[in-house]
Amino acid sequence: MTKAKPTDPGGTIALNKRARHEYHIDDRFEAGIALEGWEVKSLRAGKGQITEAYAIVKNGEIFLFGAQIQPLLSASTHVVPEARRTRKLLLHRDEIARLVGAVERKGYTLIPTAMYWKRNKVKVELGLARGKQSHDKRDAEKERDWQREKQRVMRAKNARG
């Protein structure tokens, strides 16, 4: 009798779709995240959320605020889980220096756009972002609607011809 391998949920844990609507994302960085054991178990069960999360620079390190990881009921009994605790992001020193410069000098914001699995480790995609004005949001919506309509017309044309 062979032992079954535990299945690793591949791919995306959580997406921040609102980030693309609210911000112009200029650059993206991949960061590791320091987690506790119960948090990894919860993420494997799909209990992570980053829609209201953001990252800040503090003492030359980058921390993730507002990311919510709901604890499982079967989590360890001797640990008091905190769903919205501050978590440290793990980046190379030169990447941190680049992000610090952009945030402090140029007024950018660090927004997590995705949380995903990569070789059994949890990674966070950080976007170096600038806020959009309301007219920018309307322009993006018009462009998206136009692309959708154009695809619809092309499909109808190809079906007839």
Protein backbone atom coordinates (compact mmCIF):
# COMPACT_ATOMS: atom_id res chain seq x y z
CA MET A 1 0.00 0.00 0.00
CA THR A 2 1.52 3.33 -1.07
CA LYS A 3 1.25 6.40 1.04
CA ALA A 4 -0.67 9.22 -0.62
CA LYS A 5 1.21 12.51 -0.99
CA PRO A 6 -0.43 15.52 0.61
CA THR A 7 -1.86 17.74 -2.07
CA ASP A 8 -0.47 21.25 -2.17
CA PRO A 9 -3.00 23.82 -3.33
CA GLY A 10 -1.08 25.29 -6.23
CA GLY A 11 -1.36 28.85 -7.34
CA THR A 12 -3.15 31.81 -5.93
CA ILE A 13 -4.23 32.16 -2.31
CA ALA A 14 -5.68 35.68 -2.47
CA LEU A 15 -5.95 38.47 -5.05
CA ASN A 16 -6.40 42.18 -4.52
CA LYS A 17 -8.52 43.10 -7.56
CA ARG A 18 -9.37 46.46 -6.07
CA ALA A 19 -5.71 47.50 -6.20
CA ARG A 20 -5.73 47.73 -10.01
CA HIS A 21 -8.87 49.87 -9.84
CA GLU A 22 -7.61 52.22 -7.13
CA TYR A 23 -3.93 52.58 -8.14
CA HIS A 24 -1.55 52.86 -11.08
CA ILE A 25 0.87 50.00 -10.40
CA ASP A 26 4.28 50.90 -11.80
CA ASP A 27 6.50 48.08 -10.57
CA ARG A 28 6.04 44.69 -8.92
CA PHE A 29 8.18 42.87 -6.37
CA GLU A 30 7.98 39.35 -4.99
CA ALA A 31 8.43 39.10 -1.22
CA GLY A 32 8.40 36.26 1.23
CA ILE A 33 6.31 36.60 4.35
CA ALA A 34 7.09 35.56 7.92
CA LEU A 35 4.19 33.38 9.10
CA GLU A 36 3.37 31.22 12.10
CA GLY A 37 2.37 27.58 11.73
CA TRP A 38 -1.36 28.10 12.21
CA GLU A 39 -1.30 30.82 9.52
CA VAL A 40 0.19 28.45 6.96
CA LYS A 41 -2.50 25.87 7.75
CA SER A 42 -5.20 28.50 7.35
CA LEU A 43 -3.77 29.65 4.03
CA ARG A 44 -3.74 26.05 2.78
CA ALA A 45 -7.45 25.99 3.64
CA GLY A 46 -7.97 29.23 1.65
CA LYS A 47 -8.68 31.55 4.59
CA GLY A 48 -6.50 34.51 3.50
CA GLN A 49 -7.62 37.99 2.42
CA ILE A 50 -5.53 41.01 1.34
CA THR A 51 -8.09 43.48 -0.04
CA GLU A 52 -7.56 46.03 2.75
CA ALA A 53 -3.85 45.35 3.23
CA TYR A 54 -0.91 47.69 2.64
CA ALA A 55 2.81 47.64 3.38
CA ILE A 56 4.87 50.23 5.22
CA VAL A 57 8.55 50.82 5.80
CA LYS A 58 9.64 50.89 9.44
CA ASN A 59 13.26 50.92 10.65
CA GLY A 60 14.59 49.75 7.28
CA GLU A 61 12.21 46.78 7.16
CA ILE A 62 8.90 46.29 5.36
CA PHE A 63 5.79 45.11 7.19
CA LEU A 64 2.38 44.02 5.92
CA PHE A 65 -0.61 45.59 7.68
CA GLY A 66 -4.27 44.68 7.35
CA ALA A 67 -3.84 41.24 5.77
CA GLN A 68 -6.40 38.95 7.31
CA ILE A 69 -5.76 35.25 7.89
CA GLN A 70 -8.69 33.62 9.67
CA PRO A 71 -7.60 30.96 12.18
CA LEU A 72 -8.91 27.44 11.79
CA LEU A 73 -10.97 25.93 14.56
CA SER A 74 -8.47 23.09 14.74
CA ALA A 75 -5.51 25.44 15.29
CA SER A 76 -3.20 24.74 18.18
CA THR A 77 -4.80 25.28 21.57
CA HIS A 78 -1.76 26.88 23.22
CA VAL A 79 -1.51 29.69 20.64
CA VAL A 80 -3.77 32.73 20.72
CA PRO A 81 -4.29 33.49 17.01
CA GLU A 82 -4.59 37.10 15.87
CA ALA A 83 -6.16 37.38 12.42
CA ARG A 84 -4.89 40.87 11.51
CA ARG A 85 -1.43 40.90 13.06
CA THR A 86 1.48 42.77 11.46
CA ARG A 87 3.65 40.42 9.40
CA LYS A 88 7.20 41.03 8.26
CA LEU A 89 7.93 40.87 4.53
CA LEU A 90 11.19 39.29 3.44
CA LEU A 91 13.09 41.05 0.65
CA HIS A 92 16.71 41.51 -0.38
CA ARG A 93 18.48 44.56 1.05
CA ASP A 94 18.82 46.28 -2.35
CA GLU A 95 15.11 45.79 -3.07
CA ILE A 96 14.23 47.28 0.32
CA ALA A 97 16.50 50.27 -0.37
CA ARG A 98 14.82 50.80 -3.75
CA LEU A 99 11.34 50.60 -2.22
CA VAL A 100 12.26 52.93 0.65
CA GLY A 101 13.52 55.50 -1.85
CA ALA A 102 10.37 55.33 -3.93
CA VAL A 103 8.03 55.50 -0.94
CA GLU A 104 9.78 58.28 0.98
CA ARG A 105 11.03 60.48 -1.87
CA LYS A 106 8.55 59.95 -4.68
CA GLY A 107 5.36 59.40 -2.67
CA TYR A 108 4.55 55.88 -3.84
CA THR A 109 2.48 53.37 -1.86
CA LEU A 110 3.20 49.67 -1.37
CA ILE A 111 0.11 47.59 -2.11
CA PRO A 112 -0.05 43.78 -2.02
CA THR A 113 -1.64 42.64 -5.27
CA ALA A 114 -1.49 38.87 -4.82
CA MET A 115 -0.62 36.16 -2.33
CA TYR A 116 0.36 32.79 -3.78
CA TRP A 117 2.27 29.53 -3.28
CA LYS A 118 5.72 29.11 -4.77
CA ARG A 119 7.55 25.85 -3.98
CA ASN A 120 5.62 25.32 -0.73
CA LYS A 121 6.35 28.86 0.43
CA VAL A 122 3.91 31.74 0.64
CA LYS A 123 4.87 34.75 -1.47
CA VAL A 124 3.32 38.21 -1.66
CA GLU A 125 3.44 40.29 -4.82
CA LEU A 126 3.93 43.94 -3.85
CA GLY A 127 3.02 46.68 -6.25
CA LEU A 128 4.75 50.06 -6.19
CA ALA A 129 1.67 52.19 -6.80
CA ARG A 130 0.38 55.73 -7.24
CA GLY A 131 -3.23 56.60 -6.46
CA LYS A 132 -5.68 57.14 -9.30
CA GLN A 133 -7.97 60.12 -9.62
CA SER A 134 -11.67 59.50 -10.26
CA HIS A 135 -11.37 60.55 -13.91
CA ASP A 136 -8.56 57.99 -14.38
CA LYS A 137 -10.87 55.29 -13.03
CA ARG A 138 -13.60 56.33 -15.48
CA ASP A 139 -11.12 56.27 -18.38
CA ALA A 140 -9.95 52.78 -17.42
CA GLU A 141 -13.56 51.60 -17.22
CA LYS A 142 -14.35 53.06 -20.67
CA GLU A 143 -11.27 51.37 -22.14
CA ARG A 144 -12.22 48.03 -20.59
CA ASP A 145 -15.79 48.31 -21.94
CA TRP A 146 -14.48 49.22 -25.39
CA GLN A 147 -12.11 46.21 -25.44
CA ARG A 148 -14.98 43.93 -24.41
CA GLU A 149 -17.27 45.34 -27.12
CA LYS A 150 -14.52 45.04 -29.72
CA GLN A 151 -14.02 41.35 -28.83
CA ARG A 152 -17.77 40.77 -29.07
CA VAL A 153 -17.92 42.34 -32.55
CA MET A 154 -14.91 40.33 -33.75
CA ARG A 155 -16.41 37.07 -32.49
CA ALA A 156 -19.71 37.81 -34.24
CA LYS A 157 -17.88 38.71 -37.46
CA ASN A 158 -15.80 35.51 -37.39
CA ALA A 159 -18.87 33.37 -36.71
CA ARG A 160 -20.64 34.73 -39.80
CA GLY A 161 -17.66 34.71 -42.13
